[in-house]
Amino acid sequence: MTLFSICIPTYEMSGHGPNMLKGLFDNLKSQTIQDFEIVIADQSEDLETYKVCQEYSNIHTIKYIKNFYANGRSAHNLNVCMDASIGKIIKVMFEDDYFLDNNALKKILEK
């Protein structure tokens, strides 16, 4: 079983979302615990977030879901992420978030 599911509801954020997501994906590479999947529920109108997920698919395990329903409703988009998660622990992040500490997932596990 996967230890963590990192749930990231996304949208284009006026064109900035995909670049912020790249930063988060880069940040996740430095976590000392790497037993996680990334679940993306994307409400973007374009395919830029999908392209970022494809670009990082050789580094991370990414489950991409194009969410066409309830567009603009972030709670629904987050629920789609969580419903698709298989991890023992769910960590919600947004595309403009990042961890300040390389041991963040380890600290969550130890709590």
PDB file of N, CA and C in Angstrom:
ATOM      1  N   MET A   1       0.839  -1.186   0.000  1.00  0.00           N
ATOM      2  CA  MET A   1       0.000   0.000   0.000  1.00  0.00           C
ATOM      3  C   MET A   1       0.882   1.247   0.000  1.00  0.00           C
ATOM      4  N   THR A   2       0.464   2.227  -0.724  1.00  0.00           N
ATOM      5  CA  THR A   2       1.147   3.518  -0.749  1.00  0.00           C
ATOM      6  C   THR A   2       0.956   4.210   0.592  1.00  0.00           C
ATOM      7  N   LEU A   3       2.027   4.803   1.106  1.00  0.00           N
ATOM      8  CA  LEU A   3       1.961   5.440   2.421  1.00  0.00           C
ATOM      9  C   LEU A   3       1.186   6.757   2.373  1.00  0.00           C
ATOM     10  N   PHE A   4       1.577   7.650   1.460  1.00  0.00           N
ATOM     11  CA  PHE A   4       0.958   8.969   1.367  1.00  0.00           C
ATOM     12  C   PHE A   4       0.286   9.168   0.011  1.00  0.00           C
ATOM     13  N   SER A   5      -0.827   9.871   0.028  1.00  0.00           N
ATOM     14  CA  SER A   5      -1.416  10.441  -1.193  1.00  0.00           C
ATOM     15  C   SER A   5      -1.327  11.951  -1.031  1.00  0.00           C
ATOM     16  N   ILE A   6      -0.626  12.591  -1.951  1.00  0.00           N
ATOM     17  CA  ILE A   6      -0.551  14.050  -1.982  1.00  0.00           C
ATOM     18  C   ILE A   6      -1.655  14.504  -2.935  1.00  0.00           C
ATOM     19  N   CYS A   7      -2.715  15.084  -2.392  1.00  0.00           N
ATOM     20  CA  CYS A   7      -3.874  15.500  -3.187  1.00  0.00           C
ATOM     21  C   CYS A   7      -3.742  16.970  -3.561  1.00  0.00           C
ATOM     22  N   ILE A   8      -3.759  17.237  -4.861  1.00  0.00           N
ATOM     23  CA  ILE A   8      -3.566  18.600  -5.356  1.00  0.00           C
ATOM     24  C   ILE A   8      -4.696  18.946  -6.330  1.00  0.00           C
ATOM     25  N   PRO A   9      -5.703  19.685  -5.871  1.00  0.00           N
ATOM     26  CA  PRO A   9      -6.721  20.167  -6.806  1.00  0.00           C
ATOM     27  C   PRO A   9      -6.139  21.360  -7.574  1.00  0.00           C
ATOM     28  N   THR A  10      -6.251  21.341  -8.887  1.00  0.00           N
ATOM     29  CA  THR A  10      -5.614  22.382  -9.685  1.00  0.00           C
ATOM     30  C   THR A  10      -6.596  23.088 -10.616  1.00  0.00           C
ATOM     31  N   TYR A  11      -6.184  24.259 -11.040  1.00  0.00           N
ATOM     32  CA  TYR A  11      -6.828  25.020 -12.108  1.00  0.00           C
ATOM     33  C   TYR A  11      -5.754  25.933 -12.678  1.00  0.00           C
ATOM     34  N   GLU A  12      -6.057  26.631 -13.742  1.00  0.00           N
ATOM     35  CA  GLU A  12      -4.998  27.356 -14.453  1.00  0.00           C
ATOM     36  C   GLU A  12      -4.451  28.586 -13.730  1.00  0.00           C
ATOM     37  N   MET A  13      -5.151  29.136 -12.771  1.00  0.00           N
ATOM     38  CA  MET A  13      -4.693  30.292 -11.987  1.00  0.00           C
ATOM     39  C   MET A  13      -4.163  31.422 -12.891  1.00  0.00           C
ATOM     40  N   SER A  14      -4.976  31.803 -13.862  1.00  0.00           N
ATOM     41  CA  SER A  14      -4.617  32.865 -14.822  1.00  0.00           C
ATOM     42  C   SER A  14      -3.294  32.577 -15.532  1.00  0.00           C
ATOM     43  N   GLY A  15      -3.043  31.309 -15.799  1.00  0.00           N
ATOM     44  CA  GLY A  15      -1.830  30.914 -16.513  1.00  0.00           C
ATOM     45  C   GLY A  15      -0.645  30.588 -15.623  1.00  0.00           C
ATOM     46  N   HIS A  16      -0.731  30.828 -14.332  1.00  0.00           N
ATOM     47  CA  HIS A  16       0.394  30.595 -13.418  1.00  0.00           C
ATOM     48  C   HIS A  16       0.386  29.204 -12.787  1.00  0.00           C
ATOM     49  N   GLY A  17      -0.738  28.532 -12.797  1.00  0.00           N
ATOM     50  CA  GLY A  17      -0.874  27.245 -12.132  1.00  0.00           C
ATOM     51  C   GLY A  17       0.143  26.197 -12.539  1.00  0.00           C
ATOM     52  N   PRO A  18       0.347  25.961 -13.840  1.00  0.00           N
ATOM     53  CA  PRO A  18       1.300  24.930 -14.241  1.00  0.00           C
ATOM     54  C   PRO A  18       2.731  25.204 -13.759  1.00  0.00           C
ATOM     55  N   ASN A  19       3.169  26.443 -13.790  1.00  0.00           N
ATOM     56  CA  ASN A  19       4.519  26.748 -13.307  1.00  0.00           C
ATOM     57  C   ASN A  19       4.633  26.545 -11.804  1.00  0.00           C
ATOM     58  N   MET A  20       3.582  26.905 -11.070  1.00  0.00           N
ATOM     59  CA  MET A  20       3.587  26.668  -9.625  1.00  0.00           C
ATOM     60  C   MET A  20       3.602  25.175  -9.333  1.00  0.00           C
ATOM     61  N   LEU A  21       2.878  24.407 -10.124  1.00  0.00           N
ATOM     62  CA  LEU A  21       2.858  22.958  -9.953  1.00  0.00           C
ATOM     63  C   LEU A  21       4.249  22.366 -10.188  1.00  0.00           C
ATOM     64  N   LYS A  22       4.965  22.871 -11.169  1.00  0.00           N
ATOM     65  CA  LYS A  22       6.344  22.422 -11.397  1.00  0.00           C
ATOM     66  C   LYS A  22       7.196  22.650 -10.149  1.00  0.00           C
ATOM     67  N   GLY A  23       7.039  23.811  -9.538  1.00  0.00           N
ATOM     68  CA  GLY A  23       7.787  24.109  -8.315  1.00  0.00           C
ATOM     69  C   GLY A  23       7.456  23.134  -7.202  1.00  0.00           C
ATOM     70  N   LEU A  24       6.178  22.801  -7.057  1.00  0.00           N
ATOM     71  CA  LEU A  24       5.773  21.837  -6.040  1.00  0.00           C
ATOM     72  C   LEU A  24       6.340  20.453  -6.359  1.00  0.00           C
ATOM     73  N   PHE A  25       6.270  20.028  -7.607  1.00  0.00           N
ATOM     74  CA  PHE A  25       6.829  18.727  -7.989  1.00  0.00           C
ATOM     75  C   PHE A  25       8.330  18.680  -7.706  1.00  0.00           C
ATOM     76  N   ASP A  26       9.041  19.761  -8.010  1.00  0.00           N
ATOM     77  CA  ASP A  26      10.474  19.821  -7.710  1.00  0.00           C
ATOM     78  C   ASP A  26      10.716  19.748  -6.206  1.00  0.00           C
ATOM     79  N   ASN A  27       9.883  20.437  -5.447  1.00  0.00           N
ATOM     80  CA  ASN A  27      10.000  20.433  -3.993  1.00  0.00           C
ATOM     81  C   ASN A  27       9.777  19.026  -3.424  1.00  0.00           C
ATOM     82  N   LEU A  28       8.842  18.288  -3.976  1.00  0.00           N
ATOM     83  CA  LEU A  28       8.546  16.949  -3.486  1.00  0.00           C
ATOM     84  C   LEU A  28       9.693  15.972  -3.740  1.00  0.00           C
ATOM     85  N   LYS A  29      10.536  16.259  -4.730  1.00  0.00           N
ATOM     86  CA  LYS A  29      11.684  15.390  -5.005  1.00  0.00           C
ATOM     87  C   LYS A  29      12.636  15.319  -3.821  1.00  0.00           C
ATOM     88  N   SER A  30      12.666  16.339  -2.983  1.00  0.00           N
ATOM     89  CA  SER A  30      13.633  16.394  -1.891  1.00  0.00           C
ATOM     90  C   SER A  30      13.123  15.791  -0.584  1.00  0.00           C
ATOM     91  N   GLN A  31      11.895  15.285  -0.558  1.00  0.00           N
ATOM     92  CA  GLN A  31      11.377  14.686   0.665  1.00  0.00           C
ATOM     93  C   GLN A  31      12.138  13.402   0.995  1.00  0.00           C
ATOM     94  N   THR A  32      12.461  13.205   2.255  1.00  0.00           N
ATOM     95  CA  THR A  32      13.188  12.009   2.667  1.00  0.00           C
ATOM     96  C   THR A  32      12.319  10.764   2.539  1.00  0.00           C
ATOM     97  N   ILE A  33      11.020  10.900   2.683  1.00  0.00           N
ATOM     98  CA  ILE A  33      10.092   9.792   2.417  1.00  0.00           C
ATOM     99  C   ILE A  33       9.563   9.973   1.000  1.00  0.00           C
ATOM    100  N   GLN A  34       9.786   8.967   0.174  1.00  0.00           N
ATOM    101  CA  GLN A  34       9.342   9.032  -1.214  1.00  0.00           C
ATOM    102  C   GLN A  34       8.207   8.052  -1.515  1.00  0.00           C
ATOM    103  N   ASP A  35       7.624   7.456  -0.486  1.00  0.00           N
ATOM    104  CA  ASP A  35       6.526   6.516  -0.670  1.00  0.00           C
ATOM    105  C   ASP A  35       5.210   7.299  -0.741  1.00  0.00           C
ATOM    106  N   PHE A  36       4.985   7.935  -1.889  1.00  0.00           N
ATOM    107  CA  PHE A  36       3.759   8.702  -2.073  1.00  0.00           C
ATOM    108  C   PHE A  36       3.334   8.690  -3.531  1.00  0.00           C
ATOM    109  N   GLU A  37       2.055   8.868  -3.716  1.00  0.00           N
ATOM    110  CA  GLU A  37       1.484   9.129  -5.026  1.00  0.00           C
ATOM    111  C   GLU A  37       1.023  10.581  -5.026  1.00  0.00           C
ATOM    112  N   ILE A  38       0.952  11.154  -6.194  1.00  0.00           N
ATOM    113  CA  ILE A  38       0.398  12.497  -6.352  1.00  0.00           C
ATOM    114  C   ILE A  38      -0.909  12.349  -7.123  1.00  0.00           C
ATOM    115  N   VAL A  39      -1.980  12.893  -6.565  1.00  0.00           N
ATOM    116  CA  VAL A  39      -3.283  12.827  -7.224  1.00  0.00           C
ATOM    117  C   VAL A  39      -3.679  14.254  -7.610  1.00  0.00           C
ATOM    118  N   ILE A  40      -3.851  14.457  -8.896  1.00  0.00           N
ATOM    119  CA  ILE A  40      -4.223  15.766  -9.448  1.00  0.00           C
ATOM    120  C   ILE A  40      -5.658  15.686  -9.955  1.00  0.00           C
ATOM    121  N   ALA A  41      -6.502  16.588  -9.494  1.00  0.00           N
ATOM    122  CA  ALA A  41      -7.826  16.790 -10.085  1.00  0.00           C
ATOM    123  C   ALA A  41      -7.773  18.174 -10.722  1.00  0.00           C
ATOM    124  N   ASP A  42      -7.845  18.215 -12.025  1.00  0.00           N
ATOM    125  CA  ASP A  42      -7.574  19.440 -12.782  1.00  0.00           C
ATOM    126  C   ASP A  42      -8.843  20.027 -13.376  1.00  0.00           C
ATOM    127  N   GLN A  43      -9.163  21.260 -12.979  1.00  0.00           N
ATOM    128  CA  GLN A  43     -10.308  21.970 -13.543  1.00  0.00           C
ATOM    129  C   GLN A  43      -9.879  23.038 -14.559  1.00  0.00           C
ATOM    130  N   SER A  44      -8.648  22.969 -15.010  1.00  0.00           N
ATOM    131  CA  SER A  44      -8.177  23.937 -16.006  1.00  0.00           C
ATOM    132  C   SER A  44      -8.920  23.759 -17.320  1.00  0.00           C
ATOM    133  N   GLU A  45      -9.043  24.854 -18.047  1.00  0.00           N
ATOM    134  CA  GLU A  45      -9.686  24.791 -19.354  1.00  0.00           C
ATOM    135  C   GLU A  45      -8.715  24.362 -20.452  1.00  0.00           C
ATOM    136  N   ASP A  46      -7.413  24.390 -20.142  1.00  0.00           N
ATOM    137  CA  ASP A  46      -6.410  23.985 -21.127  1.00  0.00           C
ATOM    138  C   ASP A  46      -5.743  22.685 -20.677  1.00  0.00           C
ATOM    139  N   LEU A  47      -4.717  22.261 -21.392  1.00  0.00           N
ATOM    140  CA  LEU A  47      -4.021  21.012 -21.073  1.00  0.00           C
ATOM    141  C   LEU A  47      -2.630  21.248 -20.479  1.00  0.00           C
ATOM    142  N   GLU A  48      -2.339  22.459 -20.038  1.00  0.00           N
ATOM    143  CA  GLU A  48      -0.998  22.773 -19.534  1.00  0.00           C
ATOM    144  C   GLU A  48      -0.666  21.990 -18.263  1.00  0.00           C
ATOM    145  N   THR A  49      -1.618  21.823 -17.368  1.00  0.00           N
ATOM    146  CA  THR A  49      -1.372  21.039 -16.156  1.00  0.00           C
ATOM    147  C   THR A  49      -1.114  19.581 -16.513  1.00  0.00           C
ATOM    148  N   TYR A  50      -1.861  19.060 -17.448  1.00  0.00           N
ATOM    149  CA  TYR A  50      -1.636  17.690 -17.927  1.00  0.00           C
ATOM    150  C   TYR A  50      -0.218  17.538 -18.473  1.00  0.00           C
ATOM    151  N   LYS A  51       0.245  18.517 -19.237  1.00  0.00           N
ATOM    152  CA  LYS A  51       1.593  18.464 -19.804  1.00  0.00           C
ATOM    153  C   LYS A  51       2.664  18.452 -18.707  1.00  0.00           C
ATOM    154  N   VAL A  52       2.447  19.226 -17.649  1.00  0.00           N
ATOM    155  CA  VAL A  52       3.391  19.230 -16.524  1.00  0.00           C
ATOM    156  C   VAL A  52       3.399  17.847 -15.863  1.00  0.00           C
ATOM    157  N   CYS A  53       2.234  17.259 -15.693  1.00  0.00           N
ATOM    158  CA  CYS A  53       2.159  15.925 -15.094  1.00  0.00           C
ATOM    159  C   CYS A  53       2.893  14.903 -15.962  1.00  0.00           C
ATOM    160  N   GLN A  54       2.742  14.998 -17.260  1.00  0.00           N
ATOM    161  CA  GLN A  54       3.453  14.102 -18.168  1.00  0.00           C
ATOM    162  C   GLN A  54       4.969  14.304 -18.055  1.00  0.00           C
ATOM    163  N   GLU A  55       5.390  15.554 -17.964  1.00  0.00           N
ATOM    164  CA  GLU A  55       6.813  15.887 -17.854  1.00  0.00           C
ATOM    165  C   GLU A  55       7.444  15.267 -16.602  1.00  0.00           C
ATOM    166  N   TYR A  56       6.705  15.209 -15.511  1.00  0.00           N
ATOM    167  CA  TYR A  56       7.228  14.714 -14.236  1.00  0.00           C
ATOM    168  C   TYR A  56       6.861  13.256 -13.961  1.00  0.00           C
ATOM    169  N   SER A  57       6.207  12.598 -14.900  1.00  0.00           N
ATOM    170  CA  SER A  57       5.733  11.233 -14.657  1.00  0.00           C
ATOM    171  C   SER A  57       6.867  10.217 -14.536  1.00  0.00           C
ATOM    172  N   ASN A  58       8.059  10.565 -15.000  1.00  0.00           N
ATOM    173  CA  ASN A  58       9.193   9.653 -14.834  1.00  0.00           C
ATOM    174  C   ASN A  58       9.868   9.844 -13.473  1.00  0.00           C
ATOM    175  N   ILE A  59       9.473  10.868 -12.731  1.00  0.00           N
ATOM    176  CA  ILE A  59      10.048  11.157 -11.415  1.00  0.00           C
ATOM    177  C   ILE A  59       9.072  10.766 -10.305  1.00  0.00           C
ATOM    178  N   HIS A  60       7.800  11.094 -10.480  1.00  0.00           N
ATOM    179  CA  HIS A  60       6.772  10.857  -9.469  1.00  0.00           C
ATOM    180  C   HIS A  60       5.693   9.930 -10.014  1.00  0.00           C
ATOM    181  N   THR A  61       5.005   9.255  -9.105  1.00  0.00           N
ATOM    182  CA  THR A  61       3.791   8.518  -9.462  1.00  0.00           C
ATOM    183  C   THR A  61       2.642   9.517  -9.415  1.00  0.00           C
ATOM    184  N   ILE A  62       2.101   9.834 -10.586  1.00  0.00           N
ATOM    185  CA  ILE A  62       1.074  10.874 -10.699  1.00  0.00           C
ATOM    186  C   ILE A  62      -0.196  10.268 -11.286  1.00  0.00           C
ATOM    187  N   LYS A  63      -1.292  10.493 -10.584  1.00  0.00           N
ATOM    188  CA  LYS A  63      -2.607  10.103 -11.071  1.00  0.00           C
ATOM    189  C   LYS A  63      -3.313  11.397 -11.475  1.00  0.00           C
ATOM    190  N   TYR A  64      -3.539  11.567 -12.766  1.00  0.00           N
ATOM    191  CA  TYR A  64      -4.146  12.793 -13.300  1.00  0.00           C
ATOM    192  C   TYR A  64      -5.611  12.541 -13.631  1.00  0.00           C
ATOM    193  N   ILE A  65      -6.479  13.420 -13.144  1.00  0.00           N
ATOM    194  CA  ILE A  65      -7.913  13.340 -13.425  1.00  0.00           C
ATOM    195  C   ILE A  65      -8.359  14.692 -13.972  1.00  0.00           C
ATOM    196  N   LYS A  66      -8.900  14.691 -15.170  1.00  0.00           N
ATOM    197  CA  LYS A  66      -9.482  15.904 -15.735  1.00  0.00           C
ATOM    198  C   LYS A  66     -10.894  16.014 -15.182  1.00  0.00           C
ATOM    199  N   ASN A  67     -11.135  17.026 -14.380  1.00  0.00           N
ATOM    200  CA  ASN A  67     -12.425  17.193 -13.703  1.00  0.00           C
ATOM    201  C   ASN A  67     -13.245  18.256 -14.435  1.00  0.00           C
ATOM    202  N   PHE A  68     -14.229  17.804 -15.177  1.00  0.00           N
ATOM    203  CA  PHE A  68     -15.079  18.698 -15.956  1.00  0.00           C
ATOM    204  C   PHE A  68     -16.303  19.183 -15.182  1.00  0.00           C
ATOM    205  N   TYR A  69     -16.528  18.608 -14.002  1.00  0.00           N
ATOM    206  CA  TYR A  69     -17.763  18.870 -13.282  1.00  0.00           C
ATOM    207  C   TYR A  69     -17.560  19.912 -12.188  1.00  0.00           C
ATOM    208  N   ALA A  70     -18.591  20.661 -11.900  1.00  0.00           N
ATOM    209  CA  ALA A  70     -18.577  21.670 -10.835  1.00  0.00           C
ATOM    210  C   ALA A  70     -17.371  22.595 -10.972  1.00  0.00           C
ATOM    211  N   ASN A  71     -17.113  23.018 -12.190  1.00  0.00           N
ATOM    212  CA  ASN A  71     -15.940  23.867 -12.464  1.00  0.00           C
ATOM    213  C   ASN A  71     -15.964  25.125 -11.601  1.00  0.00           C
ATOM    214  N   GLY A  72     -14.843  25.397 -10.971  1.00  0.00           N
ATOM    215  CA  GLY A  72     -14.724  26.566 -10.122  1.00  0.00           C
ATOM    216  C   GLY A  72     -15.054  26.298  -8.664  1.00  0.00           C
ATOM    217  N   ARG A  73     -15.496  25.114  -8.371  1.00  0.00           N
ATOM    218  CA  ARG A  73     -15.820  24.751  -6.985  1.00  0.00           C
ATOM    219  C   ARG A  73     -14.670  23.932  -6.417  1.00  0.00           C
ATOM    220  N   SER A  74     -13.838  24.602  -5.650  1.00  0.00           N
ATOM    221  CA  SER A  74     -12.609  23.964  -5.179  1.00  0.00           C
ATOM    222  C   SER A  74     -12.887  22.776  -4.248  1.00  0.00           C
ATOM    223  N   ALA A  75     -13.929  22.847  -3.443  1.00  0.00           N
ATOM    224  CA  ALA A  75     -14.232  21.735  -2.535  1.00  0.00           C
ATOM    225  C   ALA A  75     -14.551  20.462  -3.322  1.00  0.00           C
ATOM    226  N   HIS A  76     -15.308  20.608  -4.392  1.00  0.00           N
ATOM    227  CA  HIS A  76     -15.629  19.449  -5.219  1.00  0.00           C
ATOM    228  C   HIS A  76     -14.361  18.890  -5.858  1.00  0.00           C
ATOM    229  N   ASN A  77     -13.500  19.756  -6.332  1.00  0.00           N
ATOM    230  CA  ASN A  77     -12.259  19.321  -6.963  1.00  0.00           C
ATOM    231  C   ASN A  77     -11.377  18.577  -5.952  1.00  0.00           C
ATOM    232  N   LEU A  78     -11.328  19.060  -4.738  1.00  0.00           N
ATOM    233  CA  LEU A  78     -10.565  18.379  -3.693  1.00  0.00           C
ATOM    234  C   LEU A  78     -11.174  17.014  -3.385  1.00  0.00           C
ATOM    235  N   ASN A  79     -12.489  16.934  -3.339  1.00  0.00           N
ATOM    236  CA  ASN A  79     -13.142  15.641  -3.101  1.00  0.00           C
ATOM    237  C   ASN A  79     -12.803  14.630  -4.187  1.00  0.00           C
ATOM    238  N   VAL A  80     -12.709  15.082  -5.436  1.00  0.00           N
ATOM    239  CA  VAL A  80     -12.328  14.190  -6.534  1.00  0.00           C
ATOM    240  C   VAL A  80     -10.932  13.627  -6.274  1.00  0.00           C
ATOM    241  N   CYS A  81     -10.007  14.485  -5.837  1.00  0.00           N
ATOM    242  CA  CYS A  81      -8.648  14.039  -5.489  1.00  0.00           C
ATOM    243  C   CYS A  81      -8.686  12.976  -4.401  1.00  0.00           C
ATOM    244  N   MET A  82      -9.378  13.282  -3.343  1.00  0.00           N
ATOM    245  CA  MET A  82      -9.389  12.376  -2.198  1.00  0.00           C
ATOM    246  C   MET A  82     -10.059  11.045  -2.542  1.00  0.00           C
ATOM    247  N   ASP A  83     -11.110  11.089  -3.338  1.00  0.00           N
ATOM    248  CA  ASP A  83     -11.785   9.852  -3.743  1.00  0.00           C
ATOM    249  C   ASP A  83     -10.872   8.938  -4.565  1.00  0.00           C
ATOM    250  N   ALA A  84      -9.945   9.502  -5.304  1.00  0.00           N
ATOM    251  CA  ALA A  84      -9.045   8.717  -6.155  1.00  0.00           C
ATOM    252  C   ALA A  84      -7.773   8.279  -5.429  1.00  0.00           C
ATOM    253  N   SER A  85      -7.615   8.679  -4.186  1.00  0.00           N
ATOM    254  CA  SER A  85      -6.400   8.388  -3.424  1.00  0.00           C
ATOM    255  C   SER A  85      -6.390   6.966  -2.894  1.00  0.00           C
ATOM    256  N   ILE A  86      -5.186   6.390  -2.837  1.00  0.00           N
ATOM    257  CA  ILE A  86      -5.035   5.040  -2.277  1.00  0.00           C
ATOM    258  C   ILE A  86      -4.075   5.027  -1.091  1.00  0.00           C
ATOM    259  N   GLY A  87      -3.517   6.161  -0.741  1.00  0.00           N
ATOM    260  CA  GLY A  87      -2.542   6.216   0.344  1.00  0.00           C
ATOM    261  C   GLY A  87      -3.171   6.020   1.711  1.00  0.00           C
ATOM    262  N   LYS A  88      -2.344   5.545   2.629  1.00  0.00           N
ATOM    263  CA  LYS A  88      -2.777   5.382   4.013  1.00  0.00           C
ATOM    264  C   LYS A  88      -3.042   6.738   4.661  1.00  0.00           C
ATOM    265  N   ILE A  89      -2.247   7.745   4.287  1.00  0.00           N
ATOM    266  CA  ILE A  89      -2.366   9.106   4.814  1.00  0.00           C
ATOM    267  C   ILE A  89      -2.581  10.045   3.637  1.00  0.00           C
ATOM    268  N   ILE A  90      -3.561  10.933   3.754  1.00  0.00           N
ATOM    269  CA  ILE A  90      -3.815  11.932   2.712  1.00  0.00           C
ATOM    270  C   ILE A  90      -3.256  13.268   3.175  1.00  0.00           C
ATOM    271  N   LYS A  91      -2.436  13.863   2.338  1.00  0.00           N
ATOM    272  CA  LYS A  91      -1.908  15.214   2.575  1.00  0.00           C
ATOM    273  C   LYS A  91      -2.438  16.103   1.458  1.00  0.00           C
ATOM    274  N   VAL A  92      -3.223  17.101   1.828  1.00  0.00           N
ATOM    275  CA  VAL A  92      -3.764  18.043   0.853  1.00  0.00           C
ATOM    276  C   VAL A  92      -2.761  19.172   0.664  1.00  0.00           C
ATOM    277  N   MET A  93      -2.469  19.457  -0.581  1.00  0.00           N
ATOM    278  CA  MET A  93      -1.635  20.608  -0.930  1.00  0.00           C
ATOM    279  C   MET A  93      -2.292  21.286  -2.116  1.00  0.00           C
ATOM    280  N   PHE A  94      -1.928  22.527  -2.324  1.00  0.00           N
ATOM    281  CA  PHE A  94      -2.404  23.256  -3.493  1.00  0.00           C
ATOM    282  C   PHE A  94      -1.205  23.569  -4.367  1.00  0.00           C
ATOM    283  N   GLU A  95      -1.456  23.864  -5.621  1.00  0.00           N
ATOM    284  CA  GLU A  95      -0.349  23.991  -6.565  1.00  0.00           C
ATOM    285  C   GLU A  95       0.624  25.111  -6.226  1.00  0.00           C
ATOM    286  N   ASP A  96       0.234  26.050  -5.378  1.00  0.00           N
ATOM    287  CA  ASP A  96       1.156  27.111  -4.973  1.00  0.00           C
ATOM    288  C   ASP A  96       1.767  26.847  -3.592  1.00  0.00           C
ATOM    289  N   ASP A  97       1.624  25.623  -3.078  1.00  0.00           N
ATOM    290  CA  ASP A  97       2.212  25.234  -1.793  1.00  0.00           C
ATOM    291  C   ASP A  97       3.561  24.556  -2.011  1.00  0.00           C
ATOM    292  N   TYR A  98       4.312  24.428  -0.934  1.00  0.00           N
ATOM    293  CA  TYR A  98       5.543  23.643  -0.932  1.00  0.00           C
ATOM    294  C   TYR A  98       5.923  23.350   0.509  1.00  0.00           C
ATOM    295  N   PHE A  99       6.769  22.349   0.700  1.00  0.00           N
ATOM    296  CA  PHE A  99       7.267  22.010   2.029  1.00  0.00           C
ATOM    297  C   PHE A  99       8.508  22.825   2.330  1.00  0.00           C
ATOM    298  N   LEU A 100       8.603  23.351   3.548  1.00  0.00           N
ATOM    299  CA  LEU A 100       9.781  24.098   3.985  1.00  0.00           C
ATOM    300  C   LEU A 100      10.892  23.171   4.461  1.00  0.00           C
ATOM    301  N   ASP A 101      10.558  21.930   4.726  1.00  0.00           N
ATOM    302  CA  ASP A 101      11.471  20.991   5.356  1.00  0.00           C
ATOM    303  C   ASP A 101      11.501  19.698   4.540  1.00  0.00           C
ATOM    304  N   ASN A 102      12.676  19.165   4.283  1.00  0.00           N
ATOM    305  CA  ASN A 102      12.793  17.905   3.539  1.00  0.00           C
ATOM    306  C   ASN A 102      12.256  16.711   4.323  1.00  0.00           C
ATOM    307  N   ASN A 103      12.034  16.887   5.605  1.00  0.00           N
ATOM    308  CA  ASN A 103      11.503  15.826   6.459  1.00  0.00           C
ATOM    309  C   ASN A 103      10.025  16.038   6.784  1.00  0.00           C
ATOM    310  N   ALA A 104       9.330  16.836   6.028  1.00  0.00           N
ATOM    311  CA  ALA A 104       7.934  17.157   6.344  1.00  0.00           C
ATOM    312  C   ALA A 104       7.052  15.912   6.377  1.00  0.00           C
ATOM    313  N   LEU A 105       7.152  15.065   5.375  1.00  0.00           N
ATOM    314  CA  LEU A 105       6.324  13.850   5.364  1.00  0.00           C
ATOM    315  C   LEU A 105       6.713  12.918   6.505  1.00  0.00           C
ATOM    316  N   LYS A 106       7.994  12.843   6.804  1.00  0.00           N
ATOM    317  CA  LYS A 106       8.455  12.036   7.937  1.00  0.00           C
ATOM    318  C   LYS A 106       7.863  12.546   9.250  1.00  0.00           C
ATOM    319  N   LYS A 107       7.833  13.853   9.412  1.00  0.00           N
ATOM    320  CA  LYS A 107       7.268  14.452  10.628  1.00  0.00           C
ATOM    321  C   LYS A 107       5.774  14.168  10.726  1.00  0.00           C
ATOM    322  N   ILE A 108       5.071  14.228   9.608  1.00  0.00           N
ATOM    323  CA  ILE A 108       3.640  13.895   9.610  1.00  0.00           C
ATOM    324  C   ILE A 108       3.450  12.434  10.027  1.00  0.00           C
ATOM    325  N   LEU A 109       4.272  11.567   9.506  1.00  0.00           N
ATOM    326  CA  LEU A 109       4.179  10.142   9.822  1.00  0.00           C
ATOM    327  C   LEU A 109       4.442   9.881  11.301  1.00  0.00           C
ATOM    328  N   GLU A 110       5.345  10.629  11.891  1.00  0.00           N
ATOM    329  CA  GLU A 110       5.729  10.402  13.283  1.00  0.00           C
ATOM    330  C   GLU A 110       4.734  10.989  14.278  1.00  0.00           C
ATOM    331  N   LYS A 111       3.783  11.789  13.842  1.00  0.00           N
ATOM    332  CA  LYS A 111       2.786  12.393  14.752  1.00  0.00           C
ATOM    333  C   LYS A 111       1.742  11.402  15.181  1.00  0.00           C
TER     334      LYS A 111
END
